[in-house]
N, C-alpha and C. Protein backbone atom coordinates (compact mmCIF):
# COMPACT_ATOMS: atom_id res chain seq x y z
N MET A 1 113.19 100.69 89.36
CA MET A 1 113.30 101.81 90.45
C MET A 1 111.70 101.93 90.54
N PHE A 2 110.36 101.77 91.01
CA PHE A 2 109.51 102.18 91.77
C PHE A 2 109.23 103.48 91.94
N ASP A 3 108.18 103.98 91.66
CA ASP A 3 107.72 105.38 91.93
C ASP A 3 106.06 105.59 92.13
N ILE A 4 105.72 105.11 93.09
CA ILE A 4 104.39 104.56 93.78
C ILE A 4 103.29 105.82 94.12
N GLY A 5 102.45 106.37 93.20
CA GLY A 5 101.84 106.91 93.94
C GLY A 5 102.64 108.58 93.87
N ALA A 6 103.16 108.13 92.17
CA ALA A 6 103.87 109.62 91.34
C ALA A 6 103.90 110.80 91.63
N ASN A 7 102.53 111.31 91.98
CA ASN A 7 101.99 112.68 91.82
C ASN A 7 102.37 113.56 90.55
N VAL A 8 103.32 114.33 90.24
CA VAL A 8 103.46 115.17 89.75
C VAL A 8 105.31 114.96 89.15
N GLY A 9 105.18 114.01 89.56
CA GLY A 9 106.72 113.52 89.47
C GLY A 9 108.09 113.93 89.27
N TYR A 10 108.21 114.64 90.82
CA TYR A 10 109.43 115.07 91.60
C TYR A 10 110.70 113.71 91.85
N TYR A 11 109.98 112.87 92.49
CA TYR A 11 111.04 111.91 92.73
C TYR A 11 111.39 111.22 91.59
N THR A 12 110.15 110.78 90.70
CA THR A 12 110.57 110.17 89.27
C THR A 12 111.26 110.75 88.86
N LEU A 13 111.96 112.14 88.07
CA LEU A 13 112.90 112.59 87.76
C LEU A 13 114.01 112.59 88.29
N LEU A 14 114.07 113.24 90.03
CA LEU A 14 114.89 112.34 90.80
C LEU A 14 115.52 111.15 90.05
N ALA A 15 114.31 110.40 90.46
CA ALA A 15 115.45 108.79 90.67
C ALA A 15 115.99 108.33 88.93
N SER A 16 114.76 109.38 88.09
CA SER A 16 115.31 109.03 86.61
C SER A 16 116.70 109.48 86.35
N LYS A 17 117.23 110.68 87.21
CA LYS A 17 118.53 110.96 87.30
C LYS A 17 119.57 110.10 87.91
N LEU A 18 119.02 109.45 89.33
CA LEU A 18 119.69 108.60 90.32
C LEU A 18 120.09 107.12 89.40
N VAL A 19 119.05 106.68 88.22
CA VAL A 19 119.41 105.32 87.99
C VAL A 19 120.14 105.57 86.61
N GLY A 20 120.14 106.42 85.82
CA GLY A 20 120.87 106.57 84.42
C GLY A 20 120.04 106.19 83.72
N ARG A 21 121.13 107.00 82.59
CA ARG A 21 119.93 106.00 80.80
C ARG A 21 120.44 104.09 81.40
N ALA A 22 121.10 104.13 81.88
CA ALA A 22 120.95 101.83 81.94
C ALA A 22 119.68 101.63 82.29
N GLY A 23 119.10 102.44 83.04
CA GLY A 23 117.87 102.09 84.68
C GLY A 23 117.21 102.43 84.05
N THR A 24 115.87 102.46 84.76
CA THR A 24 114.18 102.22 84.00
C THR A 24 113.70 102.48 85.36
N VAL A 25 112.42 103.90 85.17
CA VAL A 25 111.87 103.34 86.87
C VAL A 25 110.62 104.25 86.41
N VAL A 26 110.12 102.91 87.14
CA VAL A 26 108.33 103.16 86.43
C VAL A 26 107.41 103.44 87.90
N ALA A 27 106.53 104.62 86.34
CA ALA A 27 105.89 105.46 87.72
C ALA A 27 104.51 105.82 88.09
N LEU A 28 104.37 104.89 88.82
CA LEU A 28 102.56 104.80 89.18
C LEU A 28 101.65 106.09 89.00
N GLU A 29 100.55 106.16 88.57
CA GLU A 29 100.08 107.10 89.35
C GLU A 29 98.56 107.28 88.64
N PRO A 30 97.37 106.77 89.81
CA PRO A 30 96.32 106.86 89.55
C PRO A 30 95.33 108.50 88.95
N ALA A 31 95.23 109.45 89.34
CA ALA A 31 95.29 110.33 89.44
C ALA A 31 94.67 111.13 87.99
N VAL A 32 94.02 111.23 87.33
CA VAL A 32 94.01 111.78 86.10
C VAL A 32 94.91 112.92 86.65
N ARG A 33 94.20 114.20 86.80
CA ARG A 33 94.95 115.14 87.02
C ARG A 33 96.65 115.66 87.26
N ASN A 34 96.99 114.23 88.42
CA ASN A 34 98.24 114.53 88.46
C ASN A 34 99.28 113.99 87.12
N LEU A 35 98.55 112.92 86.48
CA LEU A 35 99.34 112.32 85.49
C LEU A 35 99.05 113.34 84.17
N THR A 36 98.26 114.25 83.68
CA THR A 36 98.84 115.82 82.99
C THR A 36 100.07 115.79 84.06
N PHE A 37 100.07 116.34 84.71
CA PHE A 37 101.46 116.90 85.21
C PHE A 37 102.37 116.19 85.10
N LEU A 38 102.42 114.89 85.07
CA LEU A 38 103.31 113.97 85.51
C LEU A 38 103.99 113.57 84.05
N TYR A 39 103.32 113.86 82.91
CA TYR A 39 103.50 112.95 81.33
C TYR A 39 104.45 114.14 81.25
N ARG A 40 103.93 116.04 81.40
CA ARG A 40 104.51 116.72 81.53
C ARG A 40 105.42 117.20 81.35
N HIS A 41 105.79 116.78 82.81
CA HIS A 41 107.57 116.91 83.28
C HIS A 41 108.48 115.77 82.97
N VAL A 42 107.81 115.10 82.56
CA VAL A 42 109.21 113.57 81.88
C VAL A 42 109.22 113.77 80.59
N ALA A 43 108.05 114.34 80.39
CA ALA A 43 108.55 115.22 78.80
C ALA A 43 109.85 116.57 78.52
N LEU A 44 109.43 117.17 79.52
CA LEU A 44 110.63 118.43 79.59
C LEU A 44 111.34 118.12 79.63
N ASN A 45 112.02 116.94 80.59
CA ASN A 45 112.84 116.57 81.05
C ASN A 45 113.77 115.83 80.43
N LYS A 46 113.04 115.71 79.29
CA LYS A 46 113.22 114.55 78.89
C LYS A 46 114.17 112.78 79.62
N ALA A 47 113.34 112.72 80.14
CA ALA A 47 113.75 111.42 80.61
C ALA A 47 113.13 109.99 80.18
N ASP A 48 113.73 109.82 78.98
CA ASP A 48 113.18 108.64 78.48
C ASP A 48 113.49 107.05 79.21
N ASN A 49 114.00 107.25 80.87
CA ASN A 49 114.26 106.00 80.33
C ASN A 49 112.88 105.98 82.18
N VAL A 50 111.76 106.83 81.92
CA VAL A 50 111.21 106.97 82.92
C VAL A 50 109.91 106.68 82.04
N ARG A 51 108.79 105.47 82.43
CA ARG A 51 107.51 104.35 82.27
C ARG A 51 106.43 105.13 82.93
N VAL A 52 105.10 105.58 82.66
CA VAL A 52 105.13 105.61 83.24
C VAL A 52 103.32 105.34 82.87
N LEU A 53 102.93 105.20 84.28
CA LEU A 53 101.47 103.98 84.20
C LEU A 53 100.16 104.17 84.83
N PRO A 54 98.89 104.58 84.56
CA PRO A 54 97.78 105.34 84.80
C PRO A 54 97.56 104.58 85.97
N LEU A 55 97.76 103.66 87.26
CA LEU A 55 97.68 103.38 87.73
C LEU A 55 97.56 102.98 89.32
N ALA A 56 97.09 102.25 89.81
CA ALA A 56 97.36 102.23 91.22
C ALA A 56 97.99 100.89 92.68
N CYS A 57 97.55 100.75 92.70
CA CYS A 57 98.69 99.86 93.52
C CYS A 57 98.25 99.03 95.25
N ALA A 58 98.56 98.02 95.25
CA ALA A 58 98.39 97.75 96.83
C ALA A 58 98.69 96.20 97.43
N ASP A 59 98.54 96.20 98.64
CA ASP A 59 99.35 94.33 99.06
C ASP A 59 98.56 93.45 98.32
N SER A 60 97.52 93.66 98.09
CA SER A 60 96.32 93.01 97.87
C SER A 60 95.84 93.07 96.23
N LEU A 61 95.30 91.41 95.79
CA LEU A 61 94.69 91.43 93.88
C LEU A 61 93.36 91.81 94.52
N SER A 62 92.82 93.26 94.30
CA SER A 62 91.11 93.06 93.96
C SER A 62 91.16 94.47 93.69
N LEU A 63 89.50 94.70 93.41
CA LEU A 63 88.71 96.04 93.12
C LEU A 63 88.46 96.90 93.73
N ALA A 64 89.30 98.06 93.31
CA ALA A 64 88.85 99.09 94.25
C ALA A 64 87.98 100.55 93.42
N ALA A 65 87.56 101.41 93.47
CA ALA A 65 86.78 102.24 93.57
C ALA A 65 87.07 103.17 93.77
N ALA A 66 87.53 104.21 92.78
CA ALA A 66 88.11 105.87 93.39
C ALA A 66 87.09 105.92 92.82
N TRP A 67 87.30 107.95 93.77
CA TRP A 67 86.72 109.10 93.31
C TRP A 67 87.48 110.88 93.61
N TRP A 68 86.72 111.89 92.65
CA TRP A 68 87.36 112.45 93.51
C TRP A 68 86.39 113.23 94.64
N SER A 69 87.01 113.60 95.74
CA SER A 69 86.75 114.13 96.80
C SER A 69 86.64 115.28 97.60
N GLY A 70 86.50 116.80 97.29
CA GLY A 70 87.08 117.50 97.55
C GLY A 70 88.82 117.77 97.20
N GLY A 71 89.21 117.65 96.32
CA GLY A 71 90.22 117.69 95.57
C GLY A 71 91.35 116.64 95.84
N VAL A 72 90.82 115.56 97.00
CA VAL A 72 91.72 113.95 97.27
C VAL A 72 91.04 113.10 96.75
N VAL A 73 92.02 112.06 96.49
CA VAL A 73 91.19 110.81 96.10
C VAL A 73 90.26 109.76 97.01
N GLU A 74 89.52 109.37 96.81
CA GLU A 74 89.19 108.31 97.78
C GLU A 74 88.99 106.84 97.35
N TRP A 75 89.01 106.06 98.82
CA TRP A 75 89.32 104.86 97.62
C TRP A 75 88.27 103.97 98.77
N TRP A 76 86.99 103.69 98.19
CA TRP A 76 86.16 102.28 98.26
C TRP A 76 86.98 101.23 99.33
N SER A 77 87.80 100.33 98.37
CA SER A 77 88.52 99.11 98.87
C SER A 77 89.95 99.40 98.22
N GLY A 78 90.58 99.06 99.21
CA GLY A 78 92.10 98.41 98.92
C GLY A 78 92.63 97.80 97.20
N GLY A 79 93.76 97.83 97.32
CA GLY A 79 93.01 97.07 95.99
C GLY A 79 94.03 97.36 94.46
N VAL A 80 94.35 96.37 93.46
CA VAL A 80 94.82 96.36 92.69
C VAL A 80 93.68 96.99 91.06
N VAL A 81 93.81 98.48 90.60
CA VAL A 81 93.16 98.89 90.23
C VAL A 81 92.90 98.31 88.69
N GLU A 82 94.36 97.85 88.31
CA GLU A 82 94.79 97.42 87.27
C GLU A 82 96.38 96.78 87.46
N TRP A 83 96.73 95.65 86.41
CA TRP A 83 97.59 94.99 86.97
C TRP A 83 98.51 95.03 85.89
N TRP A 84 99.94 95.35 85.27
CA TRP A 84 100.97 95.54 84.94
C TRP A 84 101.91 94.65 85.01
N SER A 85 102.28 93.88 83.82
CA SER A 85 103.87 92.79 84.50
C SER A 85 104.47 92.88 83.37
N GLY A 86 105.31 93.47 83.14
CA GLY A 86 106.59 93.28 81.76
C GLY A 86 106.34 94.68 81.41
């Protein structure tokens, strides 16, 4: 199961319980501030079936620039910042 834009992990942890030990949840989150909490929440909940990837994704392969503006992530163009397969 994939959690795209996992934020701090609320739905990631729900999905972790849903898929159980036999399943895997891949949580994608590009914002460093959210990643800090996401990693912590996964560890505190001992969600060993969660893989956190510090990535953003979109429906096309291209470069994107992201920056913080007023507490939210602004995107210069849509696209994959990094690609993970496997």
